[in-house]
Amino acid sequence: MPTAPTISRDPTLEAHVFWYRFRNEILATIGIVLVALIGYGGYRFYSNHRESAAADLLGNAKTTQQYQQVIDHYGDTNAGATAYLLLAQAQRSEGKFSESNNTLQAFVDKNLKHEFIPTARMAIAANLESMGKVDEALATYQRVAADYPKSFDAPMALIMQVSILKAKKQDDAARRICETVLTQYRESIWASEAMRELRSLKPPALPPGVTNPAGSTAGPGPGNVPPMLVRPPSAPPPVPSGASPAAPPKPKP
């Protein structure tokens, strides 16, 4: 029975045929890759150049006008973000608390994931407190502590609430915050401040009718123990019926 003839393939010839049939597509793909690489390299060069220029300009900035210049020209760089914070601090030093808060809010809006967002909000609260807007400052401190519980600023935000609550005669709330710092942030540098504040607070009031001998509510005195806590004197055990009480022992000769 005759067998089918074997067809030999030439790899070189097949490669030429493939190139001839798809040369336009191959060239287009290579061109796209080259353009992408050139574009990425140019972007990195441009970004690095901007970052370097911004850092140099920020390093020489000393006044509010110079910080603003860094923001105007390089606001989208790391140096530009830092310039916002330095400008806000300079404005606060000049007593321009409202302008400082505007700068800080602009920093927050443009750098939503920046590591210094909690710090910026703490500065906003401090400016509000300096402007006499105590309730707004208290609310801002509370949000920082709630939104960033793992940050360095969280225990400080709690401690800053204590003085405001003490001024508002809310000692119980201030005491709870100090206890929170001592339990949740006992390893932080603010734990000692929480202890100091806790000692300065008045002790909690005792239940009505319970006072110490001096008349204060610091704690119950020996003569003011509630009736349910007074233990009656022990009595001798009862004698079974029909039995005579035991006679006292005779003295030894």
Protein backbone atom coordinates (compact mmCIF):
# COMPACT_ATOMS: atom_id res chain seq x y z
CA MET A 1 0.00 0.00 0.00
CA PRO A 2 1.59 3.34 -0.97
CA THR A 3 2.36 5.81 1.87
CA ALA A 4 1.72 9.58 1.78
CA PRO A 5 4.82 11.59 0.97
CA THR A 6 6.40 13.43 3.97
CA ILE A 7 6.27 17.22 3.63
CA SER A 8 9.41 18.86 4.97
CA ARG A 9 9.13 22.29 6.67
CA ASP A 10 11.77 24.98 6.50
CA PRO A 11 11.72 27.10 9.72
CA THR A 12 13.54 29.93 8.00
CA LEU A 13 11.04 30.03 5.19
CA GLU A 14 8.11 29.94 7.63
CA ALA A 15 9.59 32.84 9.60
CA HIS A 16 9.88 34.89 6.43
CA VAL A 17 6.30 34.08 5.50
CA PHE A 18 5.09 35.02 9.01
CA TRP A 19 7.00 38.31 8.90
CA TYR A 20 5.66 39.10 5.45
CA ARG A 21 2.06 38.42 6.48
CA PHE A 22 2.12 40.24 9.88
CA ARG A 23 4.91 42.78 9.47
CA ASN A 24 2.55 45.78 9.83
CA GLU A 25 1.08 44.51 13.09
CA ILE A 26 4.50 43.64 14.49
CA LEU A 27 5.92 47.04 13.62
CA ALA A 28 2.90 48.78 15.15
CA THR A 29 3.27 46.81 18.39
CA ILE A 30 6.98 47.57 18.62
CA GLY A 31 6.24 51.24 18.01
CA ILE A 32 3.63 51.35 20.79
CA VAL A 33 6.03 49.73 23.27
CA LEU A 34 8.82 52.13 22.37
CA VAL A 35 6.54 55.16 22.72
CA ALA A 36 5.34 53.89 26.12
CA LEU A 37 8.90 53.38 27.33
CA ILE A 38 9.98 56.79 26.10
CA GLY A 39 6.94 58.40 27.68
CA TYR A 40 7.48 56.69 31.02
CA GLY A 41 11.15 57.62 31.03
CA GLY A 42 10.32 61.21 30.18
CA TYR A 43 7.67 61.36 32.92
CA ARG A 44 10.10 60.00 35.51
CA PHE A 45 12.75 62.45 34.43
CA TYR A 46 10.26 65.32 34.56
CA SER A 47 8.91 64.24 37.96
CA ASN A 48 12.36 63.85 39.44
CA HIS A 49 13.37 67.21 38.06
CA ARG A 50 10.27 68.86 39.58
CA GLU A 51 10.80 67.16 42.93
CA SER A 52 14.42 68.30 42.99
CA ALA A 53 13.54 71.86 42.01
CA ALA A 54 10.73 71.99 44.58
CA ALA A 55 13.00 70.68 47.33
CA ASP A 56 15.63 73.29 46.50
CA LEU A 57 13.05 76.08 46.54
CA LEU A 58 11.54 74.89 49.81
CA GLY A 59 14.97 74.61 51.41
CA ASN A 60 15.52 78.33 50.84
CA ALA A 61 12.00 79.40 51.87
CA LYS A 62 11.70 81.30 55.15
CA THR A 63 8.64 83.54 54.81
CA THR A 64 4.97 83.01 54.08
CA GLN A 65 5.42 84.47 50.60
CA GLN A 66 8.19 82.01 49.81
CA TYR A 67 6.18 79.05 51.09
CA GLN A 68 3.28 80.20 48.94
CA GLN A 69 5.59 80.34 45.95
CA VAL A 70 6.54 76.69 46.44
CA ILE A 71 2.84 75.80 46.61
CA ASP A 72 1.99 77.80 43.50
CA HIS A 73 4.73 76.22 41.36
CA TYR A 74 5.12 72.74 42.89
CA GLY A 75 1.94 72.08 44.83
CA ASP A 76 1.72 68.48 43.56
CA THR A 77 5.15 67.47 44.85
CA ASN A 78 6.26 66.19 48.25
CA ALA A 79 7.97 69.50 48.91
CA GLY A 80 4.75 71.30 47.97
CA ALA A 81 2.79 69.27 50.54
CA THR A 82 5.34 70.17 53.20
CA ALA A 83 5.12 73.81 52.17
CA TYR A 84 1.42 73.81 53.10
CA LEU A 85 2.24 72.75 56.65
CA LEU A 86 5.07 75.23 57.03
CA LEU A 87 2.92 78.04 55.67
CA ALA A 88 0.13 77.16 58.10
CA GLN A 89 2.58 77.20 61.01
CA ALA A 90 3.95 80.58 59.92
CA GLN A 91 0.43 81.99 59.67
CA ARG A 92 -0.41 80.69 63.13
CA SER A 93 2.74 82.31 64.53
CA GLU A 94 1.49 85.62 63.11
CA GLY A 95 -1.90 85.14 64.80
CA LYS A 96 -3.68 84.48 61.49
CA PHE A 97 -5.60 81.47 62.76
CA SER A 98 -8.33 81.57 60.13
CA GLU A 99 -5.82 81.80 57.27
CA SER A 100 -3.81 79.00 58.84
CA ASN A 101 -6.89 76.77 58.92
CA ASN A 102 -7.62 77.55 55.27
CA THR A 103 -4.10 76.45 54.37
CA LEU A 104 -4.39 73.30 56.43
CA GLN A 105 -7.73 72.41 54.89
CA ALA A 106 -6.25 72.89 51.41
CA PHE A 107 -3.45 70.49 52.38
CA VAL A 108 -6.01 67.90 53.55
CA ASP A 109 -8.10 68.25 50.39
CA LYS A 110 -5.10 67.82 48.07
CA ASN A 111 -3.35 65.04 50.03
CA LEU A 112 -6.10 62.76 51.29
CA LYS A 113 -3.75 59.85 52.06
CA HIS A 114 -0.80 61.81 53.38
CA GLU A 115 0.69 60.55 56.64
CA PHE A 116 0.44 64.04 58.18
CA ILE A 117 -3.35 64.35 57.75
CA PRO A 118 -3.99 63.68 61.48
CA THR A 119 -1.35 66.28 62.37
CA ALA A 120 -3.00 68.83 60.08
CA ARG A 121 -6.37 68.24 61.71
CA MET A 122 -4.83 68.58 65.15
CA ALA A 123 -3.44 71.95 64.06
CA ILE A 124 -6.92 72.96 62.81
CA ALA A 125 -8.36 72.11 66.23
CA ALA A 126 -5.63 74.11 68.00
CA ASN A 127 -6.41 77.13 65.81
CA LEU A 128 -10.12 76.80 66.56
CA GLU A 129 -9.33 76.71 70.26
CA SER A 130 -7.18 79.83 69.90
CA MET A 131 -10.09 81.58 68.18
CA GLY A 132 -12.39 80.71 71.09
CA LYS A 133 -14.36 78.13 69.11
CA VAL A 134 -14.07 75.59 71.88
CA ASP A 135 -16.94 73.32 70.87
CA GLU A 136 -15.63 73.05 67.29
CA ALA A 137 -12.14 72.35 68.60
CA LEU A 138 -13.45 69.64 70.91
CA ALA A 139 -15.36 68.00 68.05
CA THR A 140 -12.24 68.07 65.86
CA TYR A 141 -10.10 66.46 68.56
CA GLN A 142 -12.75 63.78 68.98
CA ARG A 143 -12.77 63.04 65.24
CA VAL A 144 -8.98 62.74 65.12
CA ALA A 145 -8.99 60.26 68.02
CA ALA A 146 -11.82 58.25 66.44
CA ASP A 147 -10.61 58.32 62.81
CA TYR A 148 -6.91 57.66 63.47
CA PRO A 149 -6.74 55.47 66.62
CA LYS A 150 -3.39 53.96 65.58
CA SER A 151 -1.65 57.25 64.84
CA PHE A 152 0.79 59.13 67.07
CA ASP A 153 -1.74 61.96 67.30
CA ALA A 154 -4.57 59.84 68.79
CA PRO A 155 -3.51 59.98 72.48
CA MET A 156 -2.61 63.64 72.13
CA ALA A 157 -6.07 64.34 70.68
CA LEU A 158 -7.56 62.67 73.75
CA ILE A 159 -5.41 64.63 76.20
CA MET A 160 -6.28 67.90 74.47
CA GLN A 161 -9.94 67.22 75.20
CA VAL A 162 -9.33 67.00 78.95
CA SER A 163 -8.59 70.70 79.53
CA ILE A 164 -11.66 71.68 77.51
CA LEU A 165 -13.90 69.30 79.44
CA LYS A 166 -12.49 70.52 82.76
CA ALA A 167 -13.26 74.11 81.78
CA LYS A 168 -16.82 73.00 80.92
CA LYS A 169 -17.12 71.37 84.40
CA GLN A 170 -17.43 67.92 82.83
CA ASP A 171 -15.03 66.16 85.17
CA ASP A 172 -16.57 62.71 84.69
CA ALA A 173 -16.03 62.87 80.92
CA ALA A 174 -12.48 64.15 81.45
CA ARG A 175 -11.80 61.30 83.86
CA ARG A 176 -13.02 58.71 81.35
CA ILE A 177 -10.69 60.11 78.71
CA CYS A 178 -7.71 59.94 81.06
CA GLU A 179 -8.57 56.34 81.85
CA THR A 180 -8.81 55.60 78.12
CA VAL A 181 -5.31 56.95 77.57
CA LEU A 182 -3.95 54.93 80.49
CA THR A 183 -5.52 51.71 79.21
CA GLN A 184 -5.21 52.01 75.43
CA TYR A 185 -2.05 54.14 75.16
CA ARG A 186 -0.16 53.29 78.33
CA GLU A 187 3.10 52.97 76.36
CA SER A 188 2.83 56.45 74.83
CA ILE A 189 4.46 59.59 76.19
CA TRP A 190 0.99 60.92 76.98
CA ALA A 191 0.25 58.31 79.66
CA SER A 192 2.09 60.32 82.35
CA GLU A 193 0.14 63.44 81.37
CA ALA A 194 -3.10 61.47 81.64
CA MET A 195 -2.12 60.34 85.13
CA ARG A 196 -1.31 63.91 86.16
CA GLU A 197 -4.65 65.15 84.86
CA LEU A 198 -6.47 62.31 86.56
CA ARG A 199 -4.96 63.24 89.92
CA SER A 200 -6.02 66.86 89.46
CA LEU A 201 -9.66 65.89 89.00
CA LYS A 202 -12.04 65.71 91.93
CA PRO A 203 -12.86 62.17 93.04
CA PRO A 204 -16.24 60.88 91.86
CA ALA A 205 -19.20 61.54 94.11
CA LEU A 206 -20.42 58.73 96.37
CA PRO A 207 -24.05 57.58 96.42
CA PRO A 208 -26.49 59.84 98.29
CA GLY A 209 -26.34 59.47 102.07
CA VAL A 210 -22.80 58.08 102.12
CA THR A 211 -20.23 60.55 103.46
CA ASN A 212 -17.01 60.42 105.38
CA PRO A 213 -16.57 61.88 108.89
CA ALA A 214 -15.36 65.20 107.47
CA GLY A 215 -18.54 65.52 105.41
CA SER A 216 -16.78 65.13 102.03
CA THR A 217 -17.72 62.58 99.41
CA ALA A 218 -14.21 61.25 98.92
CA GLY A 219 -15.08 57.92 100.57
CA PRO A 220 -17.11 56.33 103.38
CA GLY A 221 -15.90 56.84 106.93
CA PRO A 222 -16.06 54.33 109.75
CA GLY A 223 -19.36 55.73 110.99
CA ASN A 224 -20.98 55.98 107.55
CA VAL A 225 -20.90 52.39 106.34
CA PRO A 226 -24.24 51.38 104.77
CA PRO A 227 -26.30 49.07 107.03
CA MET A 228 -25.98 46.10 104.68
CA LEU A 229 -22.18 46.29 105.01
CA VAL A 230 -22.18 46.22 108.86
CA ARG A 231 -21.57 42.70 110.18
CA PRO A 232 -23.32 41.99 113.50
CA PRO A 233 -21.18 40.72 116.38
CA SER A 234 -20.87 36.97 116.53
CA ALA A 235 -23.09 35.21 119.09
CA PRO A 236 -22.41 31.90 120.91
CA PRO A 237 -23.89 28.84 119.21
CA PRO A 238 -27.35 27.79 120.49
CA VAL A 239 -27.61 25.01 123.10
CA PRO A 240 -29.63 21.92 122.00
CA SER A 241 -32.86 21.41 123.94
CA GLY A 242 -32.53 19.12 126.90
CA ALA A 243 -28.83 19.64 127.25
CA SER A 244 -27.25 21.66 129.99
CA PRO A 245 -24.64 24.17 129.14
CA ALA A 246 -21.11 22.99 129.54
CA ALA A 247 -19.50 23.88 132.80
CA PRO A 248 -16.43 26.05 132.74
CA PRO A 249 -13.18 24.13 133.14
CA LYS A 250 -11.85 23.79 136.67
CA PRO A 251 -8.67 25.66 137.41
CA LYS A 252 -5.60 23.51 137.75
CA PRO A 253 -4.13 23.20 141.28
